[in-house]
Amino acid sequence: MNQQHTFQPILINFNVPNHLKYKLDRVSKLKGISRTSILNRLIEDFVRDETGRIENDARIYEMMSKLENTIERNVLKSKPKPNKKPKPKYTNWEQSFIDDSN
């Protein structure tokens, strides 16, 4: 899947604490990379990570839903077994007095 992205930059303004901007500027100069490039890379990494997590969560949710539906259907399909009373050992009271310990 080859997607072409047209580069049309848009200005985004946001506030950053002074100490963080200062450190970003120092790293930017040291590495020879623009702040914009660093921020774009960080934003892209964040978006990729979060998109992967969201997709993974969706797969987990779907799997759990299927499992729950399967369990519910199995429970609904199964009919409760009637309570079977144990078959009496003796058919009449005389037999109950016979010693069958042998």
PDB file of N, CA and C in Angstrom:
ATOM      1  N   MET A   1       0.844  -1.150   0.000  1.00  0.00           N
ATOM      2  CA  MET A   1       0.000   0.000   0.000  1.00  0.00           C
ATOM      3  C   MET A   1       0.905   1.233   0.000  1.00  0.00           C
ATOM      4  N   ASN A   2       0.936   1.924  -1.100  1.00  0.00           N
ATOM      5  CA  ASN A   2       1.813   3.070  -1.248  1.00  0.00           C
ATOM      6  C   ASN A   2       0.978   4.337  -1.243  1.00  0.00           C
ATOM      7  N   GLN A   3       1.068   5.093  -0.167  1.00  0.00           N
ATOM      8  CA  GLN A   3       0.311   6.333  -0.072  1.00  0.00           C
ATOM      9  C   GLN A   3       1.250   7.505  -0.291  1.00  0.00           C
ATOM     10  N   GLN A   4       0.785   8.453  -1.074  1.00  0.00           N
ATOM     11  CA  GLN A   4       1.569   9.657  -1.282  1.00  0.00           C
ATOM     12  C   GLN A   4       0.959  10.771  -0.452  1.00  0.00           C
ATOM     13  N   HIS A   5       1.811  11.453   0.288  1.00  0.00           N
ATOM     14  CA  HIS A   5       1.364  12.563   1.115  1.00  0.00           C
ATOM     15  C   HIS A   5       1.879  13.852   0.501  1.00  0.00           C
ATOM     16  N   THR A   6       0.978  14.768   0.271  1.00  0.00           N
ATOM     17  CA  THR A   6       1.423  16.069  -0.203  1.00  0.00           C
ATOM     18  C   THR A   6       1.787  16.899   1.009  1.00  0.00           C
ATOM     19  N   PHE A   7       2.899  17.558   0.936  1.00  0.00           N
ATOM     20  CA  PHE A   7       3.412  18.327   2.065  1.00  0.00           C
ATOM     21  C   PHE A   7       2.834  19.729   2.020  1.00  0.00           C
ATOM     22  N   GLN A   8       1.873  19.976   2.847  1.00  0.00           N
ATOM     23  CA  GLN A   8       1.298  21.304   2.980  1.00  0.00           C
ATOM     24  C   GLN A   8       1.387  21.676   4.461  1.00  0.00           C
ATOM     25  N   PRO A   9       2.459  22.335   4.864  1.00  0.00           N
ATOM     26  CA  PRO A   9       2.629  22.629   6.287  1.00  0.00           C
ATOM     27  C   PRO A   9       1.581  23.607   6.809  1.00  0.00           C
ATOM     28  N   ILE A  10       1.294  23.443   8.070  1.00  0.00           N
ATOM     29  CA  ILE A  10       0.363  24.337   8.751  1.00  0.00           C
ATOM     30  C   ILE A  10       1.027  24.769  10.051  1.00  0.00           C
ATOM     31  N   LEU A  11       0.867  26.013  10.385  1.00  0.00           N
ATOM     32  CA  LEU A  11       1.481  26.551  11.585  1.00  0.00           C
ATOM     33  C   LEU A  11       0.669  26.162  12.811  1.00  0.00           C
ATOM     34  N   ILE A  12       1.366  25.612  13.804  1.00  0.00           N
ATOM     35  CA  ILE A  12       0.742  25.279  15.091  1.00  0.00           C
ATOM     36  C   ILE A  12       1.502  26.034  16.166  1.00  0.00           C
ATOM     37  N   ASN A  13       0.798  26.801  16.941  1.00  0.00           N
ATOM     38  CA  ASN A  13       1.414  27.526  18.055  1.00  0.00           C
ATOM     39  C   ASN A  13       0.998  26.877  19.361  1.00  0.00           C
ATOM     40  N   PHE A  14       1.930  26.725  20.264  1.00  0.00           N
ATOM     41  CA  PHE A  14       1.616  26.226  21.591  1.00  0.00           C
ATOM     42  C   PHE A  14       2.655  26.737  22.572  1.00  0.00           C
ATOM     43  N   ASN A  15       2.286  26.710  23.819  1.00  0.00           N
ATOM     44  CA  ASN A  15       3.167  27.202  24.878  1.00  0.00           C
ATOM     45  C   ASN A  15       4.079  26.101  25.381  1.00  0.00           C
ATOM     46  N   VAL A  16       5.321  26.488  25.655  1.00  0.00           N
ATOM     47  CA  VAL A  16       6.322  25.570  26.184  1.00  0.00           C
ATOM     48  C   VAL A  16       7.011  26.278  27.345  1.00  0.00           C
ATOM     49  N   PRO A  17       7.264  25.559  28.433  1.00  0.00           N
ATOM     50  CA  PRO A  17       8.003  26.188  29.528  1.00  0.00           C
ATOM     51  C   PRO A  17       9.383  26.658  29.047  1.00  0.00           C
ATOM     52  N   ASN A  18       9.861  27.781  29.593  1.00  0.00           N
ATOM     53  CA  ASN A  18      11.139  28.370  29.159  1.00  0.00           C
ATOM     54  C   ASN A  18      12.292  27.378  29.253  1.00  0.00           C
ATOM     55  N   HIS A  19      12.364  26.635  30.365  1.00  0.00           N
ATOM     56  CA  HIS A  19      13.501  25.716  30.530  1.00  0.00           C
ATOM     57  C   HIS A  19      13.490  24.607  29.476  1.00  0.00           C
ATOM     58  N   LEU A  20      12.306  24.183  29.072  1.00  0.00           N
ATOM     59  CA  LEU A  20      12.202  23.127  28.064  1.00  0.00           C
ATOM     60  C   LEU A  20      12.583  23.663  26.675  1.00  0.00           C
ATOM     61  N   LYS A  21      12.147  24.872  26.359  1.00  0.00           N
ATOM     62  CA  LYS A  21      12.517  25.494  25.083  1.00  0.00           C
ATOM     63  C   LYS A  21      14.026  25.702  25.027  1.00  0.00           C
ATOM     64  N   TYR A  22      14.611  26.137  26.120  1.00  0.00           N
ATOM     65  CA  TYR A  22      16.056  26.365  26.177  1.00  0.00           C
ATOM     66  C   TYR A  22      16.811  25.062  25.899  1.00  0.00           C
ATOM     67  N   LYS A  23      16.389  23.983  26.562  1.00  0.00           N
ATOM     68  CA  LYS A  23      17.056  22.692  26.366  1.00  0.00           C
ATOM     69  C   LYS A  23      16.840  22.165  24.949  1.00  0.00           C
ATOM     70  N   LEU A  24      15.644  22.352  24.405  1.00  0.00           N
ATOM     71  CA  LEU A  24      15.358  21.934  23.032  1.00  0.00           C
ATOM     72  C   LEU A  24      16.253  22.697  22.055  1.00  0.00           C
ATOM     73  N   ASP A  25      16.398  23.987  22.280  1.00  0.00           N
ATOM     74  CA  ASP A  25      17.268  24.798  21.412  1.00  0.00           C
ATOM     75  C   ASP A  25      18.712  24.300  21.459  1.00  0.00           C
ATOM     76  N   ARG A  26      19.194  23.961  22.653  1.00  0.00           N
ATOM     77  CA  ARG A  26      20.583  23.477  22.790  1.00  0.00           C
ATOM     78  C   ARG A  26      20.781  22.155  22.058  1.00  0.00           C
ATOM     79  N   VAL A  27      19.846  21.239  22.246  1.00  0.00           N
ATOM     80  CA  VAL A  27      19.937  19.943  21.564  1.00  0.00           C
ATOM     81  C   VAL A  27      19.835  20.140  20.056  1.00  0.00           C
ATOM     82  N   SER A  28      18.948  21.024  19.635  1.00  0.00           N
ATOM     83  CA  SER A  28      18.753  21.299  18.219  1.00  0.00           C
ATOM     84  C   SER A  28      20.045  21.808  17.579  1.00  0.00           C
ATOM     85  N   LYS A  29      20.716  22.747  18.257  1.00  0.00           N
ATOM     86  CA  LYS A  29      21.980  23.284  17.724  1.00  0.00           C
ATOM     87  C   LYS A  29      23.073  22.228  17.732  1.00  0.00           C
ATOM     88  N   LEU A  30      23.146  21.475  18.821  1.00  0.00           N
ATOM     89  CA  LEU A  30      24.169  20.441  18.950  1.00  0.00           C
ATOM     90  C   LEU A  30      24.049  19.398  17.841  1.00  0.00           C
ATOM     91  N   LYS A  31      22.831  18.999  17.544  1.00  0.00           N
ATOM     92  CA  LYS A  31      22.606  17.955  16.535  1.00  0.00           C
ATOM     93  C   LYS A  31      22.493  18.516  15.128  1.00  0.00           C
ATOM     94  N   GLY A  32      22.322  19.821  15.009  1.00  0.00           N
ATOM     95  CA  GLY A  32      22.165  20.406  13.681  1.00  0.00           C
ATOM     96  C   GLY A  32      20.820  20.094  13.062  1.00  0.00           C
ATOM     97  N   ILE A  33      19.809  19.961  13.909  1.00  0.00           N
ATOM     98  CA  ILE A  33      18.454  19.644  13.458  1.00  0.00           C
ATOM     99  C   ILE A  33      17.530  20.773  13.926  1.00  0.00           C
ATOM    100  N   SER A  34      16.590  21.150  13.089  1.00  0.00           N
ATOM    101  CA  SER A  34      15.667  22.225  13.476  1.00  0.00           C
ATOM    102  C   SER A  34      14.696  21.737  14.553  1.00  0.00           C
ATOM    103  N   ARG A  35      14.226  22.690  15.332  1.00  0.00           N
ATOM    104  CA  ARG A  35      13.204  22.354  16.342  1.00  0.00           C
ATOM    105  C   ARG A  35      11.991  21.729  15.659  1.00  0.00           C
ATOM    106  N   THR A  36      11.620  22.296  14.517  1.00  0.00           N
ATOM    107  CA  THR A  36      10.459  21.778  13.780  1.00  0.00           C
ATOM    108  C   THR A  36      10.647  20.304  13.441  1.00  0.00           C
ATOM    109  N   SER A  37      11.831  19.947  12.978  1.00  0.00           N
ATOM    110  CA  SER A  37      12.105  18.557  12.625  1.00  0.00           C
ATOM    111  C   SER A  37      11.998  17.650  13.853  1.00  0.00           C
ATOM    112  N   ILE A  38      12.563  18.101  14.969  1.00  0.00           N
ATOM    113  CA  ILE A  38      12.502  17.310  16.203  1.00  0.00           C
ATOM    114  C   ILE A  38      11.058  17.125  16.647  1.00  0.00           C
ATOM    115  N   LEU A  39      10.308  18.219  16.666  1.00  0.00           N
ATOM    116  CA  LEU A  39       8.909  18.129  17.107  1.00  0.00           C
ATOM    117  C   LEU A  39       8.076  17.272  16.160  1.00  0.00           C
ATOM    118  N   ASN A  40       8.300  17.420  14.861  1.00  0.00           N
ATOM    119  CA  ASN A  40       7.566  16.588  13.896  1.00  0.00           C
ATOM    120  C   ASN A  40       7.857  15.108  14.119  1.00  0.00           C
ATOM    121  N   ARG A  41       9.140  14.785  14.352  1.00  0.00           N
ATOM    122  CA  ARG A  41       9.501  13.391  14.595  1.00  0.00           C
ATOM    123  C   ARG A  41       8.837  12.873  15.875  1.00  0.00           C
ATOM    124  N   LEU A  42       8.859  13.669  16.935  1.00  0.00           N
ATOM    125  CA  LEU A  42       8.234  13.253  18.191  1.00  0.00           C
ATOM    126  C   LEU A  42       6.729  13.075  18.034  1.00  0.00           C
ATOM    127  N   ILE A  43       6.099  13.998  17.320  1.00  0.00           N
ATOM    128  CA  ILE A  43       4.650  13.885  17.099  1.00  0.00           C
ATOM    129  C   ILE A  43       4.342  12.647  16.265  1.00  0.00           C
ATOM    130  N   GLU A  44       5.131  12.406  15.233  1.00  0.00           N
ATOM    131  CA  GLU A  44       4.908  11.233  14.384  1.00  0.00           C
ATOM    132  C   GLU A  44       5.076   9.937  15.187  1.00  0.00           C
ATOM    133  N   ASP A  45       6.114   9.866  16.003  1.00  0.00           N
ATOM    134  CA  ASP A  45       6.325   8.686  16.854  1.00  0.00           C
ATOM    135  C   ASP A  45       5.145   8.482  17.801  1.00  0.00           C
ATOM    136  N   PHE A  46       4.692   9.571  18.391  1.00  0.00           N
ATOM    137  CA  PHE A  46       3.550   9.490  19.312  1.00  0.00           C
ATOM    138  C   PHE A  46       2.309   8.976  18.591  1.00  0.00           C
ATOM    139  N   VAL A  47       2.018   9.548  17.420  1.00  0.00           N
ATOM    140  CA  VAL A  47       0.831   9.143  16.658  1.00  0.00           C
ATOM    141  C   VAL A  47       0.922   7.668  16.262  1.00  0.00           C
ATOM    142  N   ARG A  48       2.095   7.230  15.815  1.00  0.00           N
ATOM    143  CA  ARG A  48       2.262   5.814  15.438  1.00  0.00           C
ATOM    144  C   ARG A  48       2.057   4.894  16.638  1.00  0.00           C
ATOM    145  N   ASP A  49       2.662   5.242  17.763  1.00  0.00           N
ATOM    146  CA  ASP A  49       2.515   4.414  18.966  1.00  0.00           C
ATOM    147  C   ASP A  49       1.062   4.350  19.421  1.00  0.00           C
ATOM    148  N   GLU A  50       0.423   5.499  19.485  1.00  0.00           N
ATOM    149  CA  GLU A  50      -0.964   5.537  19.955  1.00  0.00           C
ATOM    150  C   GLU A  50      -1.910   4.833  18.995  1.00  0.00           C
ATOM    151  N   THR A  51      -1.668   4.992  17.685  1.00  0.00           N
ATOM    152  CA  THR A  51      -2.504   4.309  16.692  1.00  0.00           C
ATOM    153  C   THR A  51      -2.373   2.799  16.861  1.00  0.00           C
ATOM    154  N   GLY A  52      -1.146   2.324  17.067  1.00  0.00           N
ATOM    155  CA  GLY A  52      -0.930   0.890  17.292  1.00  0.00           C
ATOM    156  C   GLY A  52      -1.630   0.408  18.543  1.00  0.00           C
ATOM    157  N   ARG A  53      -1.557   1.191  19.600  1.00  0.00           N
ATOM    158  CA  ARG A  53      -2.232   0.806  20.852  1.00  0.00           C
ATOM    159  C   ARG A  53      -3.744   0.776  20.677  1.00  0.00           C
ATOM    160  N   ILE A  54      -4.274   1.779  19.973  1.00  0.00           N
ATOM    161  CA  ILE A  54      -5.719   1.826  19.740  1.00  0.00           C
ATOM    162  C   ILE A  54      -6.164   0.622  18.924  1.00  0.00           C
ATOM    163  N   GLU A  55      -5.414   0.294  17.869  1.00  0.00           N
ATOM    164  CA  GLU A  55      -5.754  -0.874  17.045  1.00  0.00           C
ATOM    165  C   GLU A  55      -5.657  -2.153  17.865  1.00  0.00           C
ATOM    166  N   ASN A  56      -4.641  -2.248  18.706  1.00  0.00           N
ATOM    167  CA  ASN A  56      -4.475  -3.421  19.553  1.00  0.00           C
ATOM    168  C   ASN A  56      -5.628  -3.524  20.551  1.00  0.00           C
ATOM    169  N   ASP A  57      -6.007  -2.398  21.137  1.00  0.00           N
ATOM    170  CA  ASP A  57      -7.149  -2.392  22.056  1.00  0.00           C
ATOM    171  C   ASP A  57      -8.414  -2.839  21.343  1.00  0.00           C
ATOM    172  N   ALA A  58      -8.585  -2.375  20.100  1.00  0.00           N
ATOM    173  CA  ALA A  58      -9.776  -2.758  19.334  1.00  0.00           C
ATOM    174  C   ALA A  58      -9.790  -4.264  19.085  1.00  0.00           C
ATOM    175  N   ARG A  59      -8.616  -4.834  18.760  1.00  0.00           N
ATOM    176  CA  ARG A  59      -8.547  -6.290  18.540  1.00  0.00           C
ATOM    177  C   ARG A  59      -8.850  -7.047  19.824  1.00  0.00           C
ATOM    178  N   ILE A  60      -8.313  -6.563  20.929  1.00  0.00           N
ATOM    179  CA  ILE A  60      -8.574  -7.212  22.215  1.00  0.00           C
ATOM    180  C   ILE A  60     -10.052  -7.125  22.551  1.00  0.00           C
ATOM    181  N   TYR A  61     -10.638  -5.948  22.360  1.00  0.00           N
ATOM    182  CA  TYR A  61     -12.065  -5.768  22.645  1.00  0.00           C
ATOM    183  C   TYR A  61     -12.905  -6.689  21.768  1.00  0.00           C
ATOM    184  N   GLU A  62     -12.557  -6.764  20.484  1.00  0.00           N
ATOM    185  CA  GLU A  62     -13.301  -7.628  19.560  1.00  0.00           C
ATOM    186  C   GLU A  62     -13.192  -9.092  19.980  1.00  0.00           C
ATOM    187  N   MET A  63     -11.981  -9.512  20.349  1.00  0.00           N
ATOM    188  CA  MET A  63     -11.760 -10.892  20.770  1.00  0.00           C
ATOM    189  C   MET A  63     -12.567 -11.196  22.037  1.00  0.00           C
ATOM    190  N   MET A  64     -12.539 -10.269  22.987  1.00  0.00           N
ATOM    191  CA  MET A  64     -13.282 -10.470  24.230  1.00  0.00           C
ATOM    192  C   MET A  64     -14.785 -10.510  23.964  1.00  0.00           C
ATOM    193  N   SER A  65     -15.261  -9.650  23.073  1.00  0.00           N
ATOM    194  CA  SER A  65     -16.687  -9.635  22.737  1.00  0.00           C
ATOM    195  C   SER A  65     -17.118 -10.957  22.114  1.00  0.00           C
ATOM    196  N   LYS A  66     -16.289 -11.456  21.187  1.00  0.00           N
ATOM    197  CA  LYS A  66     -16.607 -12.741  20.557  1.00  0.00           C
ATOM    198  C   LYS A  66     -16.641 -13.854  21.593  1.00  0.00           C
ATOM    199  N   LEU A  67     -15.674 -13.825  22.498  1.00  0.00           N
ATOM    200  CA  LEU A  67     -15.617 -14.842  23.541  1.00  0.00           C
ATOM    201  C   LEU A  67     -16.846 -14.759  24.433  1.00  0.00           C
ATOM    202  N   GLU A  68     -17.222 -13.544  24.831  1.00  0.00           N
ATOM    203  CA  GLU A  68     -18.403 -13.378  25.675  1.00  0.00           C
ATOM    204  C   GLU A  68     -19.655 -13.841  24.953  1.00  0.00           C
ATOM    205  N   ASN A  69     -19.786 -13.498  23.673  1.00  0.00           N
ATOM    206  CA  ASN A  69     -20.955 -13.932  22.903  1.00  0.00           C
ATOM    207  C   ASN A  69     -21.005 -15.443  22.793  1.00  0.00           C
ATOM    208  N   THR A  70     -19.874 -16.080  22.590  1.00  0.00           N
ATOM    209  CA  THR A  70     -19.816 -17.534  22.489  1.00  0.00           C
ATOM    210  C   THR A  70     -20.239 -18.163  23.799  1.00  0.00           C
ATOM    211  N   ILE A  71     -19.726 -17.641  24.881  1.00  0.00           N
ATOM    212  CA  ILE A  71     -20.079 -18.184  26.201  1.00  0.00           C
ATOM    213  C   ILE A  71     -21.564 -18.001  26.463  1.00  0.00           C
ATOM    214  N   GLU A  72     -22.089 -16.795  26.157  1.00  0.00           N
ATOM    215  CA  GLU A  72     -23.507 -16.545  26.389  1.00  0.00           C
ATOM    216  C   GLU A  72     -24.371 -17.466  25.547  1.00  0.00           C
ATOM    217  N   ARG A  73     -23.992 -17.650  24.266  1.00  0.00           N
ATOM    218  CA  ARG A  73     -24.770 -18.529  23.406  1.00  0.00           C
ATOM    219  C   ARG A  73     -24.733 -19.963  23.911  1.00  0.00           C
ATOM    220  N   ASN A  74     -23.574 -20.428  24.352  1.00  0.00           N
ATOM    221  CA  ASN A  74     -23.461 -21.794  24.866  1.00  0.00           C
ATOM    222  C   ASN A  74     -24.319 -21.977  26.106  1.00  0.00           C
ATOM    223  N   VAL A  75     -24.332 -20.976  26.955  1.00  0.00           N
ATOM    224  CA  VAL A  75     -25.144 -21.069  28.166  1.00  0.00           C
ATOM    225  C   VAL A  75     -26.617 -21.074  27.802  1.00  0.00           C
ATOM    226  N   LEU A  76     -27.001 -20.252  26.852  1.00  0.00           N
ATOM    227  CA  LEU A  76     -28.406 -20.190  26.465  1.00  0.00           C
ATOM    228  C   LEU A  76     -28.850 -21.455  25.745  1.00  0.00           C
ATOM    229  N   LYS A  77     -27.957 -22.058  24.957  1.00  0.00           N
ATOM    230  CA  LYS A  77     -28.302 -23.264  24.212  1.00  0.00           C
ATOM    231  C   LYS A  77     -28.461 -24.474  25.126  1.00  0.00           C
ATOM    232  N   SER A  78     -27.623 -24.563  26.119  1.00  0.00           N
ATOM    233  CA  SER A  78     -27.652 -25.768  26.952  1.00  0.00           C
ATOM    234  C   SER A  78     -28.881 -25.749  27.848  1.00  0.00           C
ATOM    235  N   LYS A  79     -29.557 -26.877  27.836  1.00  0.00           N
ATOM    236  CA  LYS A  79     -30.747 -27.026  28.669  1.00  0.00           C
ATOM    237  C   LYS A  79     -30.310 -27.624  30.000  1.00  0.00           C
ATOM    238  N   PRO A  80     -30.860 -27.116  31.056  1.00  0.00           N
ATOM    239  CA  PRO A  80     -30.478 -27.699  32.346  1.00  0.00           C
ATOM    240  C   PRO A  80     -30.914 -29.156  32.421  1.00  0.00           C
ATOM    241  N   LYS A  81     -30.037 -29.967  32.926  1.00  0.00           N
ATOM    242  CA  LYS A  81     -30.343 -31.390  33.053  1.00  0.00           C
ATOM    243  C   LYS A  81     -31.310 -31.564  34.230  1.00  0.00           C
ATOM    244  N   PRO A  82     -32.324 -32.397  34.019  1.00  0.00           N
ATOM    245  CA  PRO A  82     -33.282 -32.608  35.113  1.00  0.00           C
ATOM    246  C   PRO A  82     -32.587 -33.315  36.269  1.00  0.00           C
ATOM    247  N   ASN A  83     -33.023 -32.976  37.441  1.00  0.00           N
ATOM    248  CA  ASN A  83     -32.473 -33.626  38.637  1.00  0.00           C
ATOM    249  C   ASN A  83     -32.888 -35.082  38.645  1.00  0.00           C
ATOM    250  N   LYS A  84     -31.928 -35.952  38.491  1.00  0.00           N
ATOM    251  CA  LYS A  84     -32.229 -37.382  38.530  1.00  0.00           C
ATOM    252  C   LYS A  84     -32.053 -37.858  39.962  1.00  0.00           C
ATOM    253  N   LYS A  85     -33.092 -38.458  40.459  1.00  0.00           N
ATOM    254  CA  LYS A  85     -32.989 -39.040  41.792  1.00  0.00           C
ATOM    255  C   LYS A  85     -32.264 -40.368  41.662  1.00  0.00           C
ATOM    256  N   PRO A  86     -31.417 -40.661  42.626  1.00  0.00           N
ATOM    257  CA  PRO A  86     -30.714 -41.946  42.547  1.00  0.00           C
ATOM    258  C   PRO A  86     -31.709 -43.105  42.532  1.00  0.00           C
ATOM    259  N   LYS A  87     -31.377 -44.056  41.703  1.00  0.00           N
ATOM    260  CA  LYS A  87     -32.241 -45.236  41.603  1.00  0.00           C
ATOM    261  C   LYS A  87     -32.185 -45.988  42.926  1.00  0.00           C
ATOM    262  N   PRO A  88     -33.314 -46.305  43.456  1.00  0.00           N
ATOM    263  CA  PRO A  88     -33.300 -47.001  44.751  1.00  0.00           C
ATOM    264  C   PRO A  88     -32.590 -48.349  44.630  1.00  0.00           C
ATOM    265  N   LYS A  89     -31.826 -48.630  45.656  1.00  0.00           N
ATOM    266  CA  LYS A  89     -31.074 -49.879  45.662  1.00  0.00           C
ATOM    267  C   LYS A  89     -32.012 -51.079  45.819  1.00  0.00           C
ATOM    268  N   TYR A  90     -33.083 -50.866  46.532  1.00  0.00           N
ATOM    269  CA  TYR A  90     -34.023 -51.961  46.795  1.00  0.00           C
ATOM    270  C   TYR A  90     -35.380 -51.598  46.227  1.00  0.00           C
ATOM    271  N   THR A  91     -36.047 -52.607  45.675  1.00  0.00           N
ATOM    272  CA  THR A  91     -37.363 -52.354  45.104  1.00  0.00           C
ATOM    273  C   THR A  91     -38.487 -52.529  46.115  1.00  0.00           C
ATOM    274  N   ASN A  92     -38.219 -53.219  47.206  1.00  0.00           N
ATOM    275  CA  ASN A  92     -39.240 -53.326  48.258  1.00  0.00           C
ATOM    276  C   ASN A  92     -38.567 -53.359  49.628  1.00  0.00           C
ATOM    277  N   TRP A  93     -39.333 -53.228  50.653  1.00  0.00           N
ATOM    278  CA  TRP A  93     -38.765 -53.086  51.992  1.00  0.00           C
ATOM    279  C   TRP A  93     -38.123 -54.364  52.498  1.00  0.00           C
ATOM    280  N   GLU A  94     -38.574 -55.531  52.004  1.00  0.00           N
ATOM    281  CA  GLU A  94     -37.976 -56.775  52.456  1.00  0.00           C
ATOM    282  C   GLU A  94     -36.523 -56.885  52.015  1.00  0.00           C
ATOM    283  N   GLN A  95     -36.237 -56.439  50.804  1.00  0.00           N
ATOM    284  CA  GLN A  95     -34.873 -56.523  50.305  1.00  0.00           C
ATOM    285  C   GLN A  95     -33.925 -55.619  51.094  1.00  0.00           C
ATOM    286  N   SER A  96     -34.449 -54.598  51.660  1.00  0.00           N
ATOM    287  CA  SER A  96     -33.599 -53.687  52.417  1.00  0.00           C
ATOM    288  C   SER A  96     -33.043 -54.324  53.691  1.00  0.00           C
ATOM    289  N   PHE A  97     -33.667 -55.407  54.134  1.00  0.00           N
ATOM    290  CA  PHE A  97     -33.189 -56.085  55.326  1.00  0.00           C
ATOM    291  C   PHE A  97     -32.195 -57.175  55.028  1.00  0.00           C
ATOM    292  N   ILE A  98     -31.982 -57.483  53.776  1.00  0.00           N
ATOM    293  CA  ILE A  98     -31.017 -58.525  53.398  1.00  0.00           C
ATOM    294  C   ILE A  98     -29.622 -57.945  53.582  1.00  0.00           C
ATOM    295  N   ASP A  99     -28.758 -58.722  54.213  1.00  0.00           N
ATOM    296  CA  ASP A  99     -27.393 -58.278  54.432  1.00  0.00           C
ATOM    297  C   ASP A  99     -26.613 -58.504  53.136  1.00  0.00           C
ATOM    298  N   ASP A 100     -26.214 -57.400  52.486  1.00  0.00           N
ATOM    299  CA  ASP A 100     -25.477 -57.522  51.241  1.00  0.00           C
ATOM    300  C   ASP A 100     -24.042 -57.031  51.389  1.00  0.00           C
ATOM    301  N   SER A 101     -23.499 -57.185  52.574  1.00  0.00           N
ATOM    302  CA  SER A 101     -22.133 -56.713  52.830  1.00  0.00           C
ATOM    303  C   SER A 101     -21.087 -57.663  52.245  1.00  0.00           C
ATOM    304  N   ASN A 102     -21.476 -58.829  51.779  1.00  0.00           N
ATOM    305  CA  ASN A 102     -20.517 -59.773  51.220  1.00  0.00           C
ATOM    306  C   ASN A 102     -20.020 -59.297  49.920  1.00  0.00           C
TER     307      ASN A 102
END
